[in-house]
PDB file of N, CA and C in Angstrom:
ATOM      1  N   MET A   1     146.690 159.025  65.091  1.00  0.00           N
ATOM      2  CA  MET A   1     146.956 157.147  64.397  1.00  0.00           C
ATOM      3  C   MET A   1     146.240 157.447  63.024  1.00  0.00           C
ATOM      4  N   ILE A   2     144.706 158.282  63.003  1.00  0.00           N
ATOM      5  CA  ILE A   2     144.255 158.428  61.804  1.00  0.00           C
ATOM      6  C   ILE A   2     144.813 159.376  60.583  1.00  0.00           C
ATOM      7  N   GLN A   3     146.250 160.199  60.810  1.00  0.00           N
ATOM      8  CA  GLN A   3     146.840 160.882  60.133  1.00  0.00           C
ATOM      9  C   GLN A   3     147.148 160.008  59.149  1.00  0.00           C
ATOM     10  N   TRP A   4     147.951 159.482  60.191  1.00  0.00           N
ATOM     11  CA  TRP A   4     149.085 158.197  59.677  1.00  0.00           C
ATOM     12  C   TRP A   4     148.363 156.864  58.734  1.00  0.00           C
ATOM     13  N   GLU A   5     147.193 156.705  59.261  1.00  0.00           N
ATOM     14  CA  GLU A   5     146.317 155.671  58.229  1.00  0.00           C
ATOM     15  C   GLU A   5     146.236 156.332  56.748  1.00  0.00           C
ATOM     16  N   PHE A   6     145.983 157.815  57.087  1.00  0.00           N
ATOM     17  CA  PHE A   6     145.398 158.623  55.588  1.00  0.00           C
ATOM     18  C   PHE A   6     146.524 158.562  54.700  1.00  0.00           C
ATOM     19  N   ALA A   7     147.838 158.336  55.399  1.00  0.00           N
ATOM     20  CA  ALA A   7     149.399 158.789  54.980  1.00  0.00           C
ATOM     21  C   ALA A   7     149.363 157.750  54.048  1.00  0.00           C
ATOM     22  N   ARG A   8     148.999 156.226  54.809  1.00  0.00           N
ATOM     23  CA  ARG A   8     149.476 155.000  53.949  1.00  0.00           C
ATOM     24  C   ARG A   8     148.495 154.757  53.083  1.00  0.00           C
ATOM     25  N   LYS A   9     146.940 155.355  53.292  1.00  0.00           N
ATOM     26  CA  LYS A   9     146.334 155.451  52.394  1.00  0.00           C
ATOM     27  C   LYS A   9     146.724 155.929  50.772  1.00  0.00           C
ATOM     28  N   LEU A  10     147.004 156.883  51.066  1.00  0.00           N
ATOM     29  CA  LEU A  10     147.768 157.945  49.905  1.00  0.00           C
ATOM     30  C   LEU A  10     149.097 156.934  49.006  1.00  0.00           C
ATOM     31  N   PHE A  11     149.753 156.851  50.380  1.00  0.00           N
ATOM     32  CA  PHE A  11     150.994 156.024  49.412  1.00  0.00           C
ATOM     33  C   PHE A  11     150.438 154.466  49.049  1.00  0.00           C
ATOM     34  N   ASP A  12     149.549 154.041  49.538  1.00  0.00           N
ATOM     35  CA  ASP A  12     149.279 152.826  48.799  1.00  0.00           C
ATOM     36  C   ASP A  12     148.964 153.130  47.376  1.00  0.00           C
ATOM     37  N   SER A  13     147.896 154.457  47.097  1.00  0.00           N
ATOM     38  CA  SER A  13     147.146 154.163  45.858  1.00  0.00           C
ATOM     39  C   SER A  13     148.348 154.996  45.224  1.00  0.00           C
ATOM     40  N   GLY A  14     149.714 155.389  45.706  1.00  0.00           N
ATOM     41  CA  GLY A  14     150.751 155.513  44.569  1.00  0.00           C
ATOM     42  C   GLY A  14     150.868 157.516  44.903  1.00  0.00           C
ATOM     43  N   ASP A  15     149.681 157.937  45.575  1.00  0.00           N
ATOM     44  CA  ASP A  15     149.653 159.381  46.030  1.00  0.00           C
ATOM     45  C   ASP A  15     150.434 159.552  47.315  1.00  0.00           C
ATOM     46  N   GLY A  16     151.188 158.978  47.866  1.00  0.00           N
ATOM     47  CA  GLY A  16     152.044 159.695  48.343  1.00  0.00           C
ATOM     48  C   GLY A  16     152.741 160.812  48.715  1.00  0.00           C
ATOM     49  N   GLU A  17     153.145 161.146  47.474  1.00  0.00           N
ATOM     50  CA  GLU A  17     154.159 162.540  47.170  1.00  0.00           C
ATOM     51  C   GLU A  17     153.251 163.831  48.010  1.00  0.00           C
ATOM     52  N   LYS A  18     151.937 163.424  48.080  1.00  0.00           N
ATOM     53  CA  LYS A  18     150.866 164.941  47.887  1.00  0.00           C
ATOM     54  C   LYS A  18     150.481 165.090  49.669  1.00  0.00           C
ATOM     55  N   TYR A  19     151.376 164.044  50.557  1.00  0.00           N
ATOM     56  CA  TYR A  19     151.162 164.082  51.603  1.00  0.00           C
ATOM     57  C   TYR A  19     152.314 164.414  52.723  1.00  0.00           C
ATOM     58  N   TRP A  20     152.483 165.555  53.500  1.00  0.00           N
ATOM     59  CA  TRP A  20     153.106 166.160  54.184  1.00  0.00           C
ATOM     60  C   TRP A  20     153.229 166.206  55.460  1.00  0.00           C
ATOM     61  N   ILE A  21     154.075 166.511  56.466  1.00  0.00           N
ATOM     62  CA  ILE A  21     154.431 166.881  57.608  1.00  0.00           C
ATOM     63  C   ILE A  21     154.934 168.252  58.082  1.00  0.00           C
ATOM     64  N   TYR A  22     154.575 168.683  58.779  1.00  0.00           N
ATOM     65  CA  TYR A  22     155.623 169.866  59.171  1.00  0.00           C
ATOM     66  C   TYR A  22     155.752 170.129  60.846  1.00  0.00           C
ATOM     67  N   LYS A  23     157.356 170.019  60.857  1.00  0.00           N
ATOM     68  CA  LYS A  23     157.096 169.700  62.071  1.00  0.00           C
ATOM     69  C   LYS A  23     158.093 171.132  62.542  1.00  0.00           C
ATOM     70  N   VAL A  24     157.673 171.545  63.439  1.00  0.00           N
ATOM     71  CA  VAL A  24     158.344 173.053  64.295  1.00  0.00           C
ATOM     72  C   VAL A  24     159.300 172.603  65.211  1.00  0.00           C
ATOM     73  N   VAL A  25     160.362 173.250  64.891  1.00  0.00           N
ATOM     74  CA  VAL A  25     161.829 172.994  65.725  1.00  0.00           C
ATOM     75  C   VAL A  25     162.194 174.320  66.654  1.00  0.00           C
ATOM     76  N   ASN A  26     162.312 174.534  67.534  1.00  0.00           N
ATOM     77  CA  ASN A  26     162.620 175.465  68.688  1.00  0.00           C
ATOM     78  C   ASN A  26     161.611 176.429  68.436  1.00  0.00           C
ATOM     79  N   ALA A  27     160.470 176.054  68.485  1.00  0.00           N
ATOM     80  CA  ALA A  27     159.276 177.060  68.800  1.00  0.00           C
ATOM     81  C   ALA A  27     159.145 177.815  69.631  1.00  0.00           C
ATOM     82  N   GLY A  28     158.933 179.086  69.537  1.00  0.00           N
ATOM     83  CA  GLY A  28     159.035 180.273  70.664  1.00  0.00           C
ATOM     84  C   GLY A  28     160.609 180.863  70.561  1.00  0.00           C
ATOM     85  N   GLN A  29     161.591 180.478  69.912  1.00  0.00           N
ATOM     86  CA  GLN A  29     162.474 180.880  70.060  1.00  0.00           C
ATOM     87  C   GLN A  29     163.018 181.698  68.603  1.00  0.00           C
ATOM     88  N   GLU A  30     163.878 182.842  69.003  1.00  0.00           N
ATOM     89  CA  GLU A  30     164.397 183.003  67.301  1.00  0.00           C
ATOM     90  C   GLU A  30     165.099 182.415  66.490  1.00  0.00           C
ATOM     91  N   ASN A  31     165.703 181.612  66.740  1.00  0.00           N
ATOM     92  CA  ASN A  31     165.764 180.437  65.727  1.00  0.00           C
ATOM     93  C   ASN A  31     165.081 179.261  65.052  1.00  0.00           C
ATOM     94  N   ALA A  32     163.769 179.331  65.673  1.00  0.00           N
ATOM     95  CA  ALA A  32     162.537 178.285  65.350  1.00  0.00           C
ATOM     96  C   ALA A  32     162.528 178.388  63.651  1.00  0.00           C
ATOM     97  N   LYS A  33     161.894 177.292  63.160  1.00  0.00           N
ATOM     98  CA  LYS A  33     162.172 177.073  61.737  1.00  0.00           C
ATOM     99  C   LYS A  33     161.244 175.780  61.722  1.00  0.00           C
ATOM    100  N   ILE A  34     161.165 175.559  60.629  1.00  0.00           N
ATOM    101  CA  ILE A  34     159.999 174.547  59.733  1.00  0.00           C
ATOM    102  C   ILE A  34     160.480 173.935  59.391  1.00  0.00           C
ATOM    103  N   GLU A  35     160.215 172.383  59.420  1.00  0.00           N
ATOM    104  CA  GLU A  35     161.253 171.325  58.497  1.00  0.00           C
ATOM    105  C   GLU A  35     159.740 170.565  58.126  1.00  0.00           C
ATOM    106  N   LYS A  36     160.182 170.151  56.453  1.00  0.00           N
ATOM    107  CA  LYS A  36     159.013 169.668  55.895  1.00  0.00           C
ATOM    108  C   LYS A  36     159.474 168.380  55.353  1.00  0.00           C
ATOM    109  N   LEU A  37     158.619 167.364  55.787  1.00  0.00           N
ATOM    110  CA  LEU A  37     158.687 166.207  55.455  1.00  0.00           C
ATOM    111  C   LEU A  37     157.624 165.407  54.551  1.00  0.00           C
ATOM    112  N   GLN A  38     157.965 164.878  52.952  1.00  0.00           N
ATOM    113  CA  GLN A  38     156.917 164.619  52.160  1.00  0.00           C
ATOM    114  C   GLN A  38     156.724 163.064  52.021  1.00  0.00           C
ATOM    115  N   ASN A  39     155.749 162.492  51.959  1.00  0.00           N
ATOM    116  CA  ASN A  39     155.418 161.068  51.794  1.00  0.00           C
ATOM    117  C   ASN A  39     156.255 160.811  52.986  1.00  0.00           C
ATOM    118  N   PRO A  40     155.399 160.560  54.556  1.00  0.00           N
ATOM    119  CA  PRO A  40     156.195 159.998  55.331  1.00  0.00           C
ATOM    120  C   PRO A  40     156.201 158.670  55.438  1.00  0.00           C
ATOM    121  N   ILE A  41     155.172 158.105  54.974  1.00  0.00           N
ATOM    122  CA  ILE A  41     155.192 156.327  54.578  1.00  0.00           C
ATOM    123  C   ILE A  41     156.484 155.938  53.881  1.00  0.00           C
ATOM    124  N   LYS A  42     156.869 156.191  52.823  1.00  0.00           N
ATOM    125  CA  LYS A  42     157.788 156.283  51.880  1.00  0.00           C
ATOM    126  C   LYS A  42     159.237 156.247  52.725  1.00  0.00           C
ATOM    127  N   LEU A  43     159.330 157.686  53.196  1.00  0.00           N
ATOM    128  CA  LEU A  43     160.193 157.953  54.262  1.00  0.00           C
ATOM    129  C   LEU A  43     160.180 156.546  55.426  1.00  0.00           C
ATOM    130  N   TRP A  44     159.350 156.346  56.206  1.00  0.00           N
ATOM    131  CA  TRP A  44     159.319 155.063  57.455  1.00  0.00           C
ATOM    132  C   TRP A  44     159.789 154.484  56.780  1.00  0.00           C
ATOM    133  N   LYS A  45     159.243 153.773  55.359  1.00  0.00           N
ATOM    134  CA  LYS A  45     159.945 152.378  54.618  1.00  0.00           C
ATOM    135  C   LYS A  45     161.194 151.965  54.443  1.00  0.00           C
ATOM    136  N   GLU A  46     161.582 153.437  54.074  1.00  0.00           N
ATOM    137  CA  GLU A  46     163.074 153.727  53.687  1.00  0.00           C
ATOM    138  C   GLU A  46     164.207 153.941  54.865  1.00  0.00           C
ATOM    139  N   GLY A  47     163.493 153.839  55.976  1.00  0.00           N
ATOM    140  CA  GLY A  47     164.568 153.959  57.295  1.00  0.00           C
ATOM    141  C   GLY A  47     164.942 155.243  57.804  1.00  0.00           C
ATOM    142  N   ARG A  48     164.192 155.977  56.735  1.00  0.00           N
ATOM    143  CA  ARG A  48     164.921 157.690  57.093  1.00  0.00           C
ATOM    144  C   ARG A  48     163.964 158.258  58.218  1.00  0.00           C
ATOM    145  N   LEU A  49     162.732 157.446  58.536  1.00  0.00           N
ATOM    146  CA  LEU A  49     161.865 158.297  59.636  1.00  0.00           C
ATOM    147  C   LEU A  49     161.452 157.454  60.340  1.00  0.00           C
ATOM    148  N   TYR A  50     161.725 157.391  62.009  1.00  0.00           N
ATOM    149  CA  TYR A  50     161.444 156.532  62.686  1.00  0.00           C
ATOM    150  C   TYR A  50     159.886 157.152  63.444  1.00  0.00           C
ATOM    151  N   ALA A  51     158.457 156.040  63.558  1.00  0.00           N
ATOM    152  CA  ALA A  51     157.403 156.702  64.160  1.00  0.00           C
ATOM    153  C   ALA A  51     157.252 155.525  64.510  1.00  0.00           C
ATOM    154  N   HIS A  52     156.535 156.230  65.854  1.00  0.00           N
ATOM    155  CA  HIS A  52     155.990 154.872  67.026  1.00  0.00           C
ATOM    156  C   HIS A  52     154.352 155.486  67.032  1.00  0.00           C
ATOM    157  N   PRO A  53     153.261 155.131  66.293  1.00  0.00           N
ATOM    158  CA  PRO A  53     152.029 155.428  66.433  1.00  0.00           C
ATOM    159  C   PRO A  53     151.774 155.538  68.019  1.00  0.00           C
ATOM    160  N   VAL A  54     151.007 155.872  68.268  1.00  0.00           N
ATOM    161  CA  VAL A  54     150.430 156.029  69.508  1.00  0.00           C
ATOM    162  C   VAL A  54     148.880 156.554  69.206  1.00  0.00           C
ATOM    163  N   ASN A  55     147.945 155.183  70.185  1.00  0.00           N
ATOM    164  CA  ASN A  55     146.474 155.215  69.856  1.00  0.00           C
ATOM    165  C   ASN A  55     145.853 155.726  71.513  1.00  0.00           C
ATOM    166  N   ILE A  56     145.317 156.876  71.051  1.00  0.00           N
ATOM    167  CA  ILE A  56     144.750 157.514  72.345  1.00  0.00           C
ATOM    168  C   ILE A  56     142.932 157.515  72.714  1.00  0.00           C
ATOM    169  N   LYS A  57     142.888 156.868  73.302  1.00  0.00           N
ATOM    170  CA  LYS A  57     141.271 157.066  73.483  1.00  0.00           C
ATOM    171  C   LYS A  57     140.669 157.447  74.004  1.00  0.00           C
ATOM    172  N   LEU A  58     139.770 158.365  74.277  1.00  0.00           N
ATOM    173  CA  LEU A  58     139.191 159.375  74.967  1.00  0.00           C
ATOM    174  C   LEU A  58     137.694 158.946  75.210  1.00  0.00           C
TER     175      LEU A  58
END
């Protein structure tokens, strides 16, 4: 959740393009690849990214 809030602050200040999420697909396999998502808050607001934040307390 902390990272999502940081991404939101960058988006709100006009610097959302500076924030990236890197997603590893098929990790440990020969066809593994990295998908890059720039400005996840913008993608989320446009309906192009589904995000369901989870709070974890230790």
